[in-house]
PDB file of N, CA and C in Angstrom:
ATOM      1  N   MET A   1      22.855   0.340  -1.444  1.00  0.00           N
ATOM      2  CA  MET A   1      22.281  -0.897  -1.904  1.00  0.00           C
ATOM      3  C   MET A   1      20.884  -1.042  -1.302  1.00  0.00           C
ATOM      4  N   LEU A   2      19.954  -1.509  -2.104  1.00  0.00           N
ATOM      5  CA  LEU A   2      18.576  -1.700  -1.667  1.00  0.00           C
ATOM      6  C   LEU A   2      18.282  -3.179  -1.459  1.00  0.00           C
ATOM      7  N   ASP A   3      17.389  -3.452  -0.522  1.00  0.00           N
ATOM      8  CA  ASP A   3      16.929  -4.817  -0.283  1.00  0.00           C
ATOM      9  C   ASP A   3      15.667  -5.131  -1.083  1.00  0.00           C
ATOM     10  N   VAL A   4      14.841  -4.107  -1.309  1.00  0.00           N
ATOM     11  CA  VAL A   4      13.551  -4.295  -1.984  1.00  0.00           C
ATOM     12  C   VAL A   4      13.319  -3.136  -2.947  1.00  0.00           C
ATOM     13  N   ILE A   5      12.848  -3.443  -4.135  1.00  0.00           N
ATOM     14  CA  ILE A   5      12.397  -2.423  -5.086  1.00  0.00           C
ATOM     15  C   ILE A   5      10.984  -2.802  -5.502  1.00  0.00           C
ATOM     16  N   GLY A   6      10.058  -1.863  -5.358  1.00  0.00           N
ATOM     17  CA  GLY A   6       8.673  -2.091  -5.756  1.00  0.00           C
ATOM     18  C   GLY A   6       8.318  -1.203  -6.930  1.00  0.00           C
ATOM     19  N   ILE A   7       7.678  -1.765  -7.928  1.00  0.00           N
ATOM     20  CA  ILE A   7       7.244  -1.004  -9.102  1.00  0.00           C
ATOM     21  C   ILE A   7       5.740  -0.803  -8.996  1.00  0.00           C
ATOM     22  N   GLY A   8       5.324   0.437  -8.820  1.00  0.00           N
ATOM     23  CA  GLY A   8       3.911   0.769  -8.667  1.00  0.00           C
ATOM     24  C   GLY A   8       3.474   0.666  -7.214  1.00  0.00           C
ATOM     25  N   ILE A   9       2.651   1.606  -6.794  1.00  0.00           N
ATOM     26  CA  ILE A   9       2.134   1.592  -5.422  1.00  0.00           C
ATOM     27  C   ILE A   9       0.672   1.174  -5.462  1.00  0.00           C
ATOM     28  N   GLY A  10       0.466  -0.084  -5.783  1.00  0.00           N
ATOM     29  CA  GLY A  10      -0.869  -0.674  -5.722  1.00  0.00           C
ATOM     30  C   GLY A  10      -1.090  -1.263  -4.342  1.00  0.00           C
ATOM     31  N   PRO A  11      -2.176  -1.985  -4.135  1.00  0.00           N
ATOM     32  CA  PRO A  11      -2.478  -2.549  -2.817  1.00  0.00           C
ATOM     33  C   PRO A  11      -1.357  -3.427  -2.255  1.00  0.00           C
ATOM     34  N   PHE A  12      -0.733  -4.254  -3.094  1.00  0.00           N
ATOM     35  CA  PHE A  12       0.309  -5.148  -2.584  1.00  0.00           C
ATOM     36  C   PHE A  12       1.541  -4.367  -2.135  1.00  0.00           C
ATOM     37  N   ASN A  13       2.069  -3.492  -3.005  1.00  0.00           N
ATOM     38  CA  ASN A  13       3.280  -2.756  -2.645  1.00  0.00           C
ATOM     39  C   ASN A  13       3.035  -1.748  -1.533  1.00  0.00           C
ATOM     40  N   LEU A  14       1.846  -1.197  -1.453  1.00  0.00           N
ATOM     41  CA  LEU A  14       1.522  -0.303  -0.343  1.00  0.00           C
ATOM     42  C   LEU A  14       1.556  -1.073   0.975  1.00  0.00           C
ATOM     43  N   SER A  15       1.002  -2.281   0.972  1.00  0.00           N
ATOM     44  CA  SER A  15       1.052  -3.137   2.160  1.00  0.00           C
ATOM     45  C   SER A  15       2.486  -3.543   2.474  1.00  0.00           C
ATOM     46  N   LEU A  16       3.243  -3.889   1.454  1.00  0.00           N
ATOM     47  CA  LEU A  16       4.638  -4.274   1.650  1.00  0.00           C
ATOM     48  C   LEU A  16       5.439  -3.121   2.252  1.00  0.00           C
ATOM     49  N   ALA A  17       5.225  -1.915   1.765  1.00  0.00           N
ATOM     50  CA  ALA A  17       5.922  -0.747   2.307  1.00  0.00           C
ATOM     51  C   ALA A  17       5.587  -0.543   3.783  1.00  0.00           C
ATOM     52  N   ALA A  18       4.328  -0.725   4.145  1.00  0.00           N
ATOM     53  CA  ALA A  18       3.912  -0.573   5.542  1.00  0.00           C
ATOM     54  C   ALA A  18       4.553  -1.634   6.426  1.00  0.00           C
ATOM     55  N   LEU A  19       4.685  -2.850   5.916  1.00  0.00           N
ATOM     56  CA  LEU A  19       5.294  -3.930   6.701  1.00  0.00           C
ATOM     57  C   LEU A  19       6.811  -3.788   6.798  1.00  0.00           C
ATOM     58  N   ILE A  20       7.444  -3.216   5.785  1.00  0.00           N
ATOM     59  CA  ILE A  20       8.894  -3.033   5.787  1.00  0.00           C
ATOM     60  C   ILE A  20       9.313  -1.877   6.694  1.00  0.00           C
ATOM     61  N   GLU A  21       8.454  -0.890   6.860  1.00  0.00           N
ATOM     62  CA  GLU A  21       8.799   0.354   7.560  1.00  0.00           C
ATOM     63  C   GLU A  21       9.513   0.143   8.901  1.00  0.00           C
ATOM     64  N   PRO A  22       9.065  -0.745   9.789  1.00  0.00           N
ATOM     65  CA  PRO A  22       9.760  -0.876  11.077  1.00  0.00           C
ATOM     66  C   PRO A  22      11.010  -1.772  11.033  1.00  0.00           C
ATOM     67  N   THR A  23      11.363  -2.284   9.875  1.00  0.00           N
ATOM     68  CA  THR A  23      12.508  -3.195   9.770  1.00  0.00           C
ATOM     69  C   THR A  23      13.741  -2.435   9.278  1.00  0.00           C
ATOM     70  N   PRO A  24      14.908  -3.045   9.359  1.00  0.00           N
ATOM     71  CA  PRO A  24      16.117  -2.383   8.843  1.00  0.00           C
ATOM     72  C   PRO A  24      16.287  -2.499   7.323  1.00  0.00           C
ATOM     73  N   LEU A  25      15.330  -3.121   6.639  1.00  0.00           N
ATOM     74  CA  LEU A  25      15.425  -3.262   5.187  1.00  0.00           C
ATOM     75  C   LEU A  25      15.362  -1.900   4.507  1.00  0.00           C
ATOM     76  N   ARG A  26      16.135  -1.739   3.442  1.00  0.00           N
ATOM     77  CA  ARG A  26      16.108  -0.509   2.649  1.00  0.00           C
ATOM     78  C   ARG A  26      15.279  -0.777   1.400  1.00  0.00           C
ATOM     79  N   ALA A  27      14.279   0.051   1.188  1.00  0.00           N
ATOM     80  CA  ALA A  27      13.345  -0.186   0.084  1.00  0.00           C
ATOM     81  C   ALA A  27      13.149   1.078  -0.743  1.00  0.00           C
ATOM     82  N   LEU A  28      12.839   0.876  -2.001  1.00  0.00           N
ATOM     83  CA  LEU A  28      12.493   1.959  -2.915  1.00  0.00           C
ATOM     84  C   LEU A  28      11.255   1.520  -3.679  1.00  0.00           C
ATOM     85  N   PHE A  29      10.228   2.365  -3.672  1.00  0.00           N
ATOM     86  CA  PHE A  29       8.999   2.084  -4.408  1.00  0.00           C
ATOM     87  C   PHE A  29       8.827   3.172  -5.456  1.00  0.00           C
ATOM     88  N   LEU A  30       8.606   2.772  -6.684  1.00  0.00           N
ATOM     89  CA  LEU A  30       8.490   3.698  -7.807  1.00  0.00           C
ATOM     90  C   LEU A  30       7.052   3.722  -8.310  1.00  0.00           C
ATOM     91  N   GLU A  31       6.547   4.923  -8.544  1.00  0.00           N
ATOM     92  CA  GLU A  31       5.188   5.106  -9.051  1.00  0.00           C
ATOM     93  C   GLU A  31       5.232   6.177 -10.127  1.00  0.00           C
ATOM     94  N   LYS A  32       4.603   5.933 -11.264  1.00  0.00           N
ATOM     95  CA  LYS A  32       4.650   6.898 -12.366  1.00  0.00           C
ATOM     96  C   LYS A  32       3.757   8.115 -12.135  1.00  0.00           C
ATOM     97  N   ARG A  33       2.739   7.980 -11.306  1.00  0.00           N
ATOM     98  CA  ARG A  33       1.831   9.107 -11.048  1.00  0.00           C
ATOM     99  C   ARG A  33       2.368   9.983  -9.910  1.00  0.00           C
ATOM    100  N   ASP A  34       1.975  11.253  -9.914  1.00  0.00           N
ATOM    101  CA  ASP A  34       2.367  12.185  -8.855  1.00  0.00           C
ATOM    102  C   ASP A  34       1.571  11.982  -7.577  1.00  0.00           C
ATOM    103  N   ALA A  35       0.374  11.411  -7.700  1.00  0.00           N
ATOM    104  CA  ALA A  35      -0.501  11.202  -6.538  1.00  0.00           C
ATOM    105  C   ALA A  35      -1.097   9.801  -6.621  1.00  0.00           C
ATOM    106  N   LEU A  36      -1.455   9.268  -5.457  1.00  0.00           N
ATOM    107  CA  LEU A  36      -2.090   7.956  -5.425  1.00  0.00           C
ATOM    108  C   LEU A  36      -3.570   8.097  -5.759  1.00  0.00           C
ATOM    109  N   VAL A  37      -4.033   7.320  -6.719  1.00  0.00           N
ATOM    110  CA  VAL A  37      -5.427   7.354  -7.148  1.00  0.00           C
ATOM    111  C   VAL A  37      -5.921   5.917  -7.221  1.00  0.00           C
ATOM    112  N   TRP A  38      -7.074   5.671  -6.617  1.00  0.00           N
ATOM    113  CA  TRP A  38      -7.636   4.324  -6.616  1.00  0.00           C
ATOM    114  C   TRP A  38      -8.594   4.181  -7.783  1.00  0.00           C
ATOM    115  N   HIS A  39      -8.290   3.363  -8.749  1.00  0.00           N
ATOM    116  CA  HIS A  39      -9.108   3.130  -9.940  1.00  0.00           C
ATOM    117  C   HIS A  39      -9.541   4.453 -10.584  1.00  0.00           C
ATOM    118  N   PRO A  40      -8.601   5.210 -11.128  1.00  0.00           N
ATOM    119  CA  PRO A  40      -8.935   6.517 -11.702  1.00  0.00           C
ATOM    120  C   PRO A  40     -10.004   6.417 -12.789  1.00  0.00           C
ATOM    121  N   GLY A  41     -11.004   7.281 -12.689  1.00  0.00           N
ATOM    122  CA  GLY A  41     -12.076   7.332 -13.666  1.00  0.00           C
ATOM    123  C   GLY A  41     -13.171   6.299 -13.475  1.00  0.00           C
ATOM    124  N   LEU A  42     -13.016   5.389 -12.515  1.00  0.00           N
ATOM    125  CA  LEU A  42     -14.012   4.336 -12.327  1.00  0.00           C
ATOM    126  C   LEU A  42     -14.925   4.570 -11.123  1.00  0.00           C
ATOM    127  N   ALA A  43     -14.491   5.361 -10.158  1.00  0.00           N
ATOM    128  CA  ALA A  43     -15.300   5.587  -8.959  1.00  0.00           C
ATOM    129  C   ALA A  43     -16.383   6.634  -9.237  1.00  0.00           C
ATOM    130  N   LEU A  44     -17.532   6.466  -8.611  1.00  0.00           N
ATOM    131  CA  LEU A  44     -18.603   7.452  -8.724  1.00  0.00           C
ATOM    132  C   LEU A  44     -18.243   8.684  -7.901  1.00  0.00           C
ATOM    133  N   PRO A  45     -18.698   9.874  -8.325  1.00  0.00           N
ATOM    134  CA  PRO A  45     -18.419  11.079  -7.549  1.00  0.00           C
ATOM    135  C   PRO A  45     -18.940  10.931  -6.114  1.00  0.00           C
ATOM    136  N   ASN A  46     -18.171  11.410  -5.157  1.00  0.00           N
ATOM    137  CA  ASN A  46     -18.522  11.389  -3.725  1.00  0.00           C
ATOM    138  C   ASN A  46     -18.659   9.981  -3.150  1.00  0.00           C
ATOM    139  N   SER A  47     -18.173   8.970  -3.850  1.00  0.00           N
ATOM    140  CA  SER A  47     -18.245   7.610  -3.301  1.00  0.00           C
ATOM    141  C   SER A  47     -17.071   7.386  -2.352  1.00  0.00           C
ATOM    142  N   ARG A  48     -17.256   6.454  -1.417  1.00  0.00           N
ATOM    143  CA  ARG A  48     -16.212   6.131  -0.446  1.00  0.00           C
ATOM    144  C   ARG A  48     -15.738   4.706  -0.696  1.00  0.00           C
ATOM    145  N   LEU A  49     -14.443   4.527  -0.589  1.00  0.00           N
ATOM    146  CA  LEU A  49     -13.862   3.200  -0.755  1.00  0.00           C
ATOM    147  C   LEU A  49     -14.048   2.407   0.529  1.00  0.00           C
ATOM    148  N   GLN A  50     -14.595   1.221   0.423  1.00  0.00           N
ATOM    149  CA  GLN A  50     -14.771   0.345   1.578  1.00  0.00           C
ATOM    150  C   GLN A  50     -14.057  -0.965   1.281  1.00  0.00           C
ATOM    151  N   VAL A  51     -13.090  -1.292   2.126  1.00  0.00           N
ATOM    152  CA  VAL A  51     -12.290  -2.497   1.927  1.00  0.00           C
ATOM    153  C   VAL A  51     -12.450  -3.408   3.135  1.00  0.00           C
ATOM    154  N   SER A  52     -12.740  -4.650   2.889  1.00  0.00           N
ATOM    155  CA  SER A  52     -12.840  -5.642   3.952  1.00  0.00           C
ATOM    156  C   SER A  52     -11.479  -5.826   4.609  1.00  0.00           C
ATOM    157  N   PRO A  53     -11.428  -5.978   5.942  1.00  0.00           N
ATOM    158  CA  PRO A  53     -10.147  -6.248   6.613  1.00  0.00           C
ATOM    159  C   PRO A  53      -9.462  -7.507   6.080  1.00  0.00           C
ATOM    160  N   LEU A  54     -10.228  -8.425   5.500  1.00  0.00           N
ATOM    161  CA  LEU A  54      -9.629  -9.636   4.946  1.00  0.00           C
ATOM    162  C   LEU A  54      -8.832  -9.356   3.675  1.00  0.00           C
ATOM    163  N   LYS A  55      -9.079  -8.206   3.049  1.00  0.00           N
ATOM    164  CA  LYS A  55      -8.329  -7.827   1.853  1.00  0.00           C
ATOM    165  C   LYS A  55      -7.165  -6.905   2.185  1.00  0.00           C
ATOM    166  N   ASP A  56      -7.040  -6.521   3.435  1.00  0.00           N
ATOM    167  CA  ASP A  56      -5.953  -5.656   3.888  1.00  0.00           C
ATOM    168  C   ASP A  56      -4.746  -6.537   4.192  1.00  0.00           C
ATOM    169  N   CYS A  57      -3.732  -6.457   3.362  1.00  0.00           N
ATOM    170  CA  CYS A  57      -2.564  -7.345   3.501  1.00  0.00           C
ATOM    171  C   CYS A  57      -1.770  -7.088   4.779  1.00  0.00           C
ATOM    172  N   VAL A  58      -1.869  -5.899   5.366  1.00  0.00           N
ATOM    173  CA  VAL A  58      -1.116  -5.591   6.586  1.00  0.00           C
ATOM    174  C   VAL A  58      -1.824  -6.129   7.822  1.00  0.00           C
ATOM    175  N   THR A  59      -3.121  -5.931   7.934  1.00  0.00           N
ATOM    176  CA  THR A  59      -3.867  -6.363   9.120  1.00  0.00           C
ATOM    177  C   THR A  59      -3.734  -7.856   9.357  1.00  0.00           C
ATOM    178  N   LEU A  60      -3.783  -8.647   8.307  1.00  0.00           N
ATOM    179  CA  LEU A  60      -3.684 -10.093   8.475  1.00  0.00           C
ATOM    180  C   LEU A  60      -2.313 -10.518   8.998  1.00  0.00           C
ATOM    181  N   VAL A  61      -1.268  -9.786   8.642  1.00  0.00           N
ATOM    182  CA  VAL A  61       0.086 -10.129   9.074  1.00  0.00           C
ATOM    183  C   VAL A  61       0.389  -9.553  10.448  1.00  0.00           C
ATOM    184  N   ASP A  62       0.027  -8.287  10.665  1.00  0.00           N
ATOM    185  CA  ASP A  62       0.334  -7.619  11.931  1.00  0.00           C
ATOM    186  C   ASP A  62      -0.787  -6.645  12.293  1.00  0.00           C
ATOM    187  N   PRO A  63      -1.806  -7.109  13.025  1.00  0.00           N
ATOM    188  CA  PRO A  63      -2.942  -6.245  13.365  1.00  0.00           C
ATOM    189  C   PRO A  63      -2.596  -5.111  14.326  1.00  0.00           C
ATOM    190  N   THR A  64      -1.380  -5.088  14.874  1.00  0.00           N
ATOM    191  CA  THR A  64      -0.983  -4.017  15.797  1.00  0.00           C
ATOM    192  C   THR A  64      -0.366  -2.823  15.075  1.00  0.00           C
ATOM    193  N   ARG A  65      -0.150  -2.912  13.771  1.00  0.00           N
ATOM    194  CA  ARG A  65       0.483  -1.815  13.027  1.00  0.00           C
ATOM    195  C   ARG A  65      -0.412  -0.581  13.016  1.00  0.00           C
ATOM    196  N   VAL A  66       0.216   0.576  13.100  1.00  0.00           N
ATOM    197  CA  VAL A  66      -0.495   1.858  13.109  1.00  0.00           C
ATOM    198  C   VAL A  66      -1.310   2.061  11.835  1.00  0.00           C
ATOM    199  N   CYS A  67      -0.831   1.577  10.707  1.00  0.00           N
ATOM    200  CA  CYS A  67      -1.483   1.838   9.418  1.00  0.00           C
ATOM    201  C   CYS A  67      -2.651   0.907   9.122  1.00  0.00           C
ATOM    202  N   THR A  68      -2.996  -0.005  10.039  1.00  0.00           N
ATOM    203  CA  THR A  68      -4.115  -0.909   9.776  1.00  0.00           C
ATOM    204  C   THR A  68      -5.425  -0.327  10.245  1.00  0.00           C
TER     205      THR A  68
END
């Protein structure tokens, strides 16, 4: 039996998975792609993704997490 099922590994479910990891909750996250891609076809070649810490759903909840 699962406690959480996530459809798609976007920013929200990726953050949720990171927050669930140290808990006893059992979770399953489903993604149709074989690899994680951020905005496929929209990024410029050799560009780097820069995300404000205020948009990081994990840091705001638990800044001590390894994945933040």
